[in-house]
């Protein structure tokens, strides 16, 4: 069941959903091109793989720091640009 989010998503709500899902497909509207894009992201930075990655990005009140598996890097996303958050497990049909 995808969480379809309104135009203004609160940072706390986005973090809660990604935290709950573990790994999530996050669809967002690019601020530059205005096109819909997506990333496979997590907020669980505890894995040795993620811990060895370098990160220079600093989270702000308007951004949420995530690790994106598809780009193999940390990324700052603006919650207000997010249009949907779907558990990656439901896309891969694993888990339940």
N, C-alpha and C. Protein backbone atom coordinates (compact mmCIF):
# COMPACT_ATOMS: atom_id res chain seq x y z
N UNK A 1 0.85 -1.18 0.00
CA UNK A 1 0.00 0.00 0.00
C UNK A 1 0.89 1.24 0.00
N UNK A 2 1.03 1.92 -1.13
CA UNK A 2 1.90 3.09 -1.17
C UNK A 2 1.31 4.23 -0.34
N UNK A 3 2.21 4.96 0.27
CA UNK A 3 1.79 6.15 1.00
C UNK A 3 1.83 7.28 -0.01
N UNK A 4 0.67 7.73 -0.43
CA UNK A 4 0.61 8.84 -1.37
C UNK A 4 0.58 10.11 -0.55
N UNK A 5 1.52 10.96 -0.82
CA UNK A 5 1.67 12.13 0.02
C UNK A 5 1.25 13.39 -0.72
N UNK A 6 0.69 14.31 0.03
CA UNK A 6 0.26 15.57 -0.56
C UNK A 6 1.44 16.42 -0.98
N UNK A 7 1.16 17.57 -1.49
CA UNK A 7 2.21 18.46 -1.99
C UNK A 7 3.19 18.85 -0.88
N UNK A 8 2.68 19.08 0.31
CA UNK A 8 3.57 19.48 1.39
C UNK A 8 3.74 18.33 2.38
N UNK A 9 4.87 17.68 2.30
CA UNK A 9 5.16 16.57 3.18
C UNK A 9 6.07 17.07 4.29
N UNK A 10 5.73 16.69 5.49
CA UNK A 10 6.57 17.08 6.61
C UNK A 10 7.77 16.14 6.69
N UNK A 11 8.90 16.69 7.05
CA UNK A 11 10.13 15.91 7.17
C UNK A 11 9.93 14.73 8.13
N UNK A 12 9.23 14.97 9.24
CA UNK A 12 9.02 13.93 10.24
C UNK A 12 8.19 12.78 9.67
N UNK A 13 7.20 13.11 8.86
CA UNK A 13 6.35 12.08 8.26
C UNK A 13 7.13 11.24 7.25
N UNK A 14 7.94 11.89 6.44
CA UNK A 14 8.77 11.17 5.48
C UNK A 14 9.75 10.25 6.21
N UNK A 15 10.39 10.76 7.23
CA UNK A 15 11.33 9.96 8.01
C UNK A 15 10.64 8.77 8.66
N UNK A 16 9.43 8.98 9.17
CA UNK A 16 8.69 7.91 9.83
C UNK A 16 8.36 6.79 8.84
N UNK A 17 7.90 7.16 7.65
CA UNK A 17 7.56 6.17 6.63
C UNK A 17 8.77 5.37 6.17
N UNK A 18 9.87 6.07 5.87
CA UNK A 18 11.07 5.37 5.41
C UNK A 18 11.62 4.48 6.51
N UNK A 19 11.55 4.95 7.75
CA UNK A 19 11.99 4.17 8.90
C UNK A 19 11.14 2.90 9.04
N UNK A 20 9.85 3.07 8.91
CA UNK A 20 8.91 1.95 9.03
C UNK A 20 9.12 0.92 7.93
N UNK A 21 9.37 1.37 6.71
CA UNK A 21 9.53 0.47 5.56
C UNK A 21 10.92 -0.14 5.48
N UNK A 22 11.91 0.45 6.12
CA UNK A 22 13.29 -0.04 6.04
C UNK A 22 13.95 0.48 4.77
N UNK A 23 13.57 -0.11 3.63
CA UNK A 23 14.01 0.37 2.32
C UNK A 23 12.76 0.81 1.58
N UNK A 24 12.84 1.95 0.91
CA UNK A 24 11.66 2.50 0.26
C UNK A 24 11.98 3.06 -1.11
N UNK A 25 10.97 3.01 -1.98
CA UNK A 25 11.06 3.69 -3.28
C UNK A 25 10.42 5.05 -3.07
N UNK A 26 11.21 6.09 -3.21
CA UNK A 26 10.72 7.45 -3.00
C UNK A 26 10.65 8.15 -4.35
N UNK A 27 9.43 8.57 -4.70
CA UNK A 27 9.22 9.32 -5.94
C UNK A 27 9.13 10.79 -5.57
N UNK A 28 9.81 11.61 -6.34
CA UNK A 28 9.83 13.05 -6.06
C UNK A 28 9.91 13.83 -7.37
N UNK A 29 9.53 15.09 -7.29
CA UNK A 29 9.61 15.96 -8.45
C UNK A 29 10.92 16.73 -8.39
N UNK A 30 11.71 16.62 -9.44
CA UNK A 30 13.00 17.31 -9.50
C UNK A 30 12.80 18.81 -9.49
N UNK A 31 13.54 19.49 -8.63
CA UNK A 31 13.44 20.95 -8.55
C UNK A 31 14.00 21.60 -9.82
N UNK A 32 14.93 20.92 -10.50
CA UNK A 32 15.54 21.48 -11.71
C UNK A 32 14.69 21.27 -12.95
N UNK A 33 14.34 20.00 -13.22
CA UNK A 33 13.64 19.68 -14.48
C UNK A 33 12.12 19.60 -14.33
N UNK A 34 11.64 19.55 -13.09
CA UNK A 34 10.22 19.40 -12.79
C UNK A 34 9.69 18.01 -13.21
N UNK A 35 10.60 17.08 -13.55
CA UNK A 35 10.21 15.72 -13.91
C UNK A 35 10.13 14.85 -12.66
N UNK A 36 9.27 13.82 -12.74
CA UNK A 36 9.20 12.86 -11.64
C UNK A 36 10.40 11.93 -11.71
N UNK A 37 11.04 11.72 -10.58
CA UNK A 37 12.20 10.83 -10.47
C UNK A 37 12.00 9.96 -9.25
N UNK A 38 12.85 8.93 -9.11
CA UNK A 38 12.75 8.08 -7.93
C UNK A 38 14.12 7.58 -7.51
N UNK A 39 14.21 7.20 -6.24
CA UNK A 39 15.40 6.57 -5.68
C UNK A 39 14.97 5.45 -4.74
N UNK A 40 15.85 4.46 -4.59
CA UNK A 40 15.65 3.39 -3.60
C UNK A 40 16.47 3.78 -2.38
N UNK A 41 15.79 4.14 -1.29
CA UNK A 41 16.49 4.75 -0.16
C UNK A 41 16.25 4.06 1.18
N UNK A 42 17.13 4.36 2.12
CA UNK A 42 16.99 3.89 3.49
C UNK A 42 17.49 4.97 4.45
N UNK A 43 16.99 4.89 5.68
CA UNK A 43 17.50 5.74 6.77
C UNK A 43 18.35 4.92 7.73
N UNK A 44 18.45 3.59 7.47
CA UNK A 44 19.22 2.71 8.32
C UNK A 44 20.68 2.73 7.88
N UNK A 45 21.47 3.56 8.54
CA UNK A 45 22.88 3.71 8.18
C UNK A 45 23.78 2.75 8.96
N UNK A 46 23.20 1.75 9.63
CA UNK A 46 23.96 0.88 10.53
C UNK A 46 24.71 -0.24 9.82
N UNK A 47 24.42 -0.50 8.55
CA UNK A 47 25.10 -1.60 7.87
C UNK A 47 26.55 -1.22 7.57
N UNK A 48 27.46 -2.21 7.67
CA UNK A 48 28.87 -1.92 7.38
C UNK A 48 29.07 -1.32 5.98
N UNK A 49 28.28 -1.76 5.01
CA UNK A 49 28.40 -1.25 3.64
C UNK A 49 28.16 0.25 3.59
N UNK A 50 27.08 0.70 4.23
CA UNK A 50 26.75 2.12 4.22
C UNK A 50 27.73 2.92 5.07
N UNK A 51 28.17 2.32 6.18
CA UNK A 51 29.09 3.04 7.07
C UNK A 51 30.43 3.34 6.40
N UNK A 52 30.82 2.54 5.42
CA UNK A 52 32.10 2.81 4.75
C UNK A 52 31.99 3.88 3.66
N UNK A 53 30.76 4.29 3.35
CA UNK A 53 30.56 5.32 2.32
C UNK A 53 30.84 6.70 2.89
N UNK A 54 31.41 7.54 2.06
CA UNK A 54 31.69 8.91 2.49
C UNK A 54 30.45 9.78 2.31
N UNK A 55 30.27 10.68 3.26
CA UNK A 55 29.14 11.61 3.17
C UNK A 55 29.57 13.00 3.61
N UNK A 56 29.37 13.95 2.73
CA UNK A 56 29.67 15.35 3.07
C UNK A 56 28.39 16.16 3.20
N UNK A 57 27.27 15.56 2.84
CA UNK A 57 25.99 16.29 2.88
C UNK A 57 25.54 16.53 4.32
N UNK A 58 25.04 17.70 4.56
CA UNK A 58 24.54 18.06 5.89
C UNK A 58 23.05 18.32 5.81
N UNK A 59 22.32 17.61 6.65
CA UNK A 59 20.87 17.75 6.69
C UNK A 59 20.50 19.13 7.23
N UNK A 60 19.39 19.68 6.72
CA UNK A 60 18.89 20.96 7.22
C UNK A 60 17.43 20.78 7.61
N UNK A 61 16.79 21.86 8.00
CA UNK A 61 15.37 21.78 8.36
C UNK A 61 14.51 21.43 7.14
N UNK A 62 14.99 21.80 5.95
CA UNK A 62 14.21 21.56 4.72
C UNK A 62 14.58 20.26 4.01
N UNK A 63 15.61 19.54 4.50
CA UNK A 63 16.06 18.33 3.80
C UNK A 63 16.18 17.15 4.75
N UNK A 64 16.12 15.95 4.16
CA UNK A 64 16.29 14.71 4.90
C UNK A 64 17.43 13.94 4.25
N UNK A 65 18.41 13.50 5.04
CA UNK A 65 19.54 12.75 4.52
C UNK A 65 19.17 11.27 4.45
N UNK A 66 19.33 10.70 3.25
CA UNK A 66 19.03 9.29 3.02
C UNK A 66 20.21 8.64 2.32
N UNK A 67 20.29 7.30 2.41
CA UNK A 67 21.25 6.58 1.57
C UNK A 67 20.45 5.94 0.45
N UNK A 68 20.88 6.17 -0.79
CA UNK A 68 20.18 5.64 -1.96
C UNK A 68 20.96 4.47 -2.54
N UNK A 69 20.33 3.30 -2.55
CA UNK A 69 20.97 2.09 -3.06
C UNK A 69 21.23 2.18 -4.55
N UNK A 70 20.33 2.79 -5.30
CA UNK A 70 20.46 2.82 -6.76
C UNK A 70 21.58 3.75 -7.24
N UNK A 71 21.87 4.78 -6.47
CA UNK A 71 22.97 5.66 -6.84
C UNK A 71 24.22 5.38 -6.00
N UNK A 72 24.07 4.48 -5.01
CA UNK A 72 25.17 4.08 -4.13
C UNK A 72 25.79 5.28 -3.44
N UNK A 73 24.91 6.18 -2.96
CA UNK A 73 25.41 7.40 -2.32
C UNK A 73 24.37 8.00 -1.39
N UNK A 74 24.85 8.90 -0.54
CA UNK A 74 23.95 9.66 0.31
C UNK A 74 23.32 10.76 -0.53
N UNK A 75 22.11 11.14 -0.15
CA UNK A 75 21.41 12.19 -0.90
C UNK A 75 20.51 12.99 0.05
N UNK A 76 20.44 14.27 -0.18
CA UNK A 76 19.53 15.14 0.56
C UNK A 76 18.26 15.29 -0.26
N UNK A 77 17.14 14.90 0.29
CA UNK A 77 15.85 15.06 -0.40
C UNK A 77 15.03 16.11 0.32
N UNK A 78 14.33 16.92 -0.45
CA UNK A 78 13.41 17.90 0.13
C UNK A 78 12.04 17.23 0.26
N UNK A 79 11.58 17.00 1.48
CA UNK A 79 10.28 16.33 1.67
C UNK A 79 9.15 16.97 0.89
N UNK A 80 9.18 18.30 0.68
CA UNK A 80 8.08 18.96 -0.03
C UNK A 80 8.00 18.52 -1.49
N UNK A 81 9.10 17.96 -2.04
CA UNK A 81 9.11 17.50 -3.43
C UNK A 81 8.67 16.05 -3.59
N UNK A 82 8.53 15.34 -2.46
CA UNK A 82 8.19 13.91 -2.49
C UNK A 82 6.72 13.72 -2.82
N UNK A 83 6.44 12.83 -3.78
CA UNK A 83 5.05 12.55 -4.16
C UNK A 83 4.56 11.20 -3.66
N UNK A 84 5.47 10.22 -3.46
CA UNK A 84 5.04 8.94 -2.89
C UNK A 84 6.21 8.21 -2.26
N UNK A 85 5.86 7.34 -1.30
CA UNK A 85 6.84 6.49 -0.62
C UNK A 85 6.24 5.09 -0.57
N UNK A 86 6.95 4.11 -1.16
CA UNK A 86 6.46 2.74 -1.25
C UNK A 86 7.51 1.81 -0.64
N UNK A 87 7.09 0.83 0.18
CA UNK A 87 8.08 -0.12 0.70
C UNK A 87 8.74 -0.88 -0.45
N UNK A 88 10.06 -0.95 -0.45
CA UNK A 88 10.77 -1.66 -1.51
C UNK A 88 10.37 -3.14 -1.54
N UNK A 89 10.11 -3.72 -0.37
CA UNK A 89 9.71 -5.13 -0.30
C UNK A 89 8.44 -5.41 -1.10
N UNK A 90 7.51 -4.45 -1.13
CA UNK A 90 6.26 -4.67 -1.87
C UNK A 90 6.50 -4.62 -3.38
N UNK A 91 7.49 -3.84 -3.80
CA UNK A 91 7.83 -3.76 -5.22
C UNK A 91 8.54 -5.04 -5.64
N UNK A 92 9.42 -5.55 -4.77
CA UNK A 92 10.16 -6.78 -5.06
C UNK A 92 9.35 -8.03 -4.78
N UNK A 93 8.19 -7.85 -4.13
CA UNK A 93 7.29 -8.96 -3.76
C UNK A 93 7.97 -9.95 -2.82
N UNK A 94 8.81 -9.44 -1.92
CA UNK A 94 9.39 -10.33 -0.91
C UNK A 94 8.81 -9.94 0.45
N UNK A 95 9.15 -10.68 1.44
CA UNK A 95 8.58 -10.39 2.76
C UNK A 95 7.29 -11.16 2.91
N UNK A 96 6.17 -10.43 3.11
CA UNK A 96 4.88 -11.06 3.41
C UNK A 96 4.46 -12.02 2.31
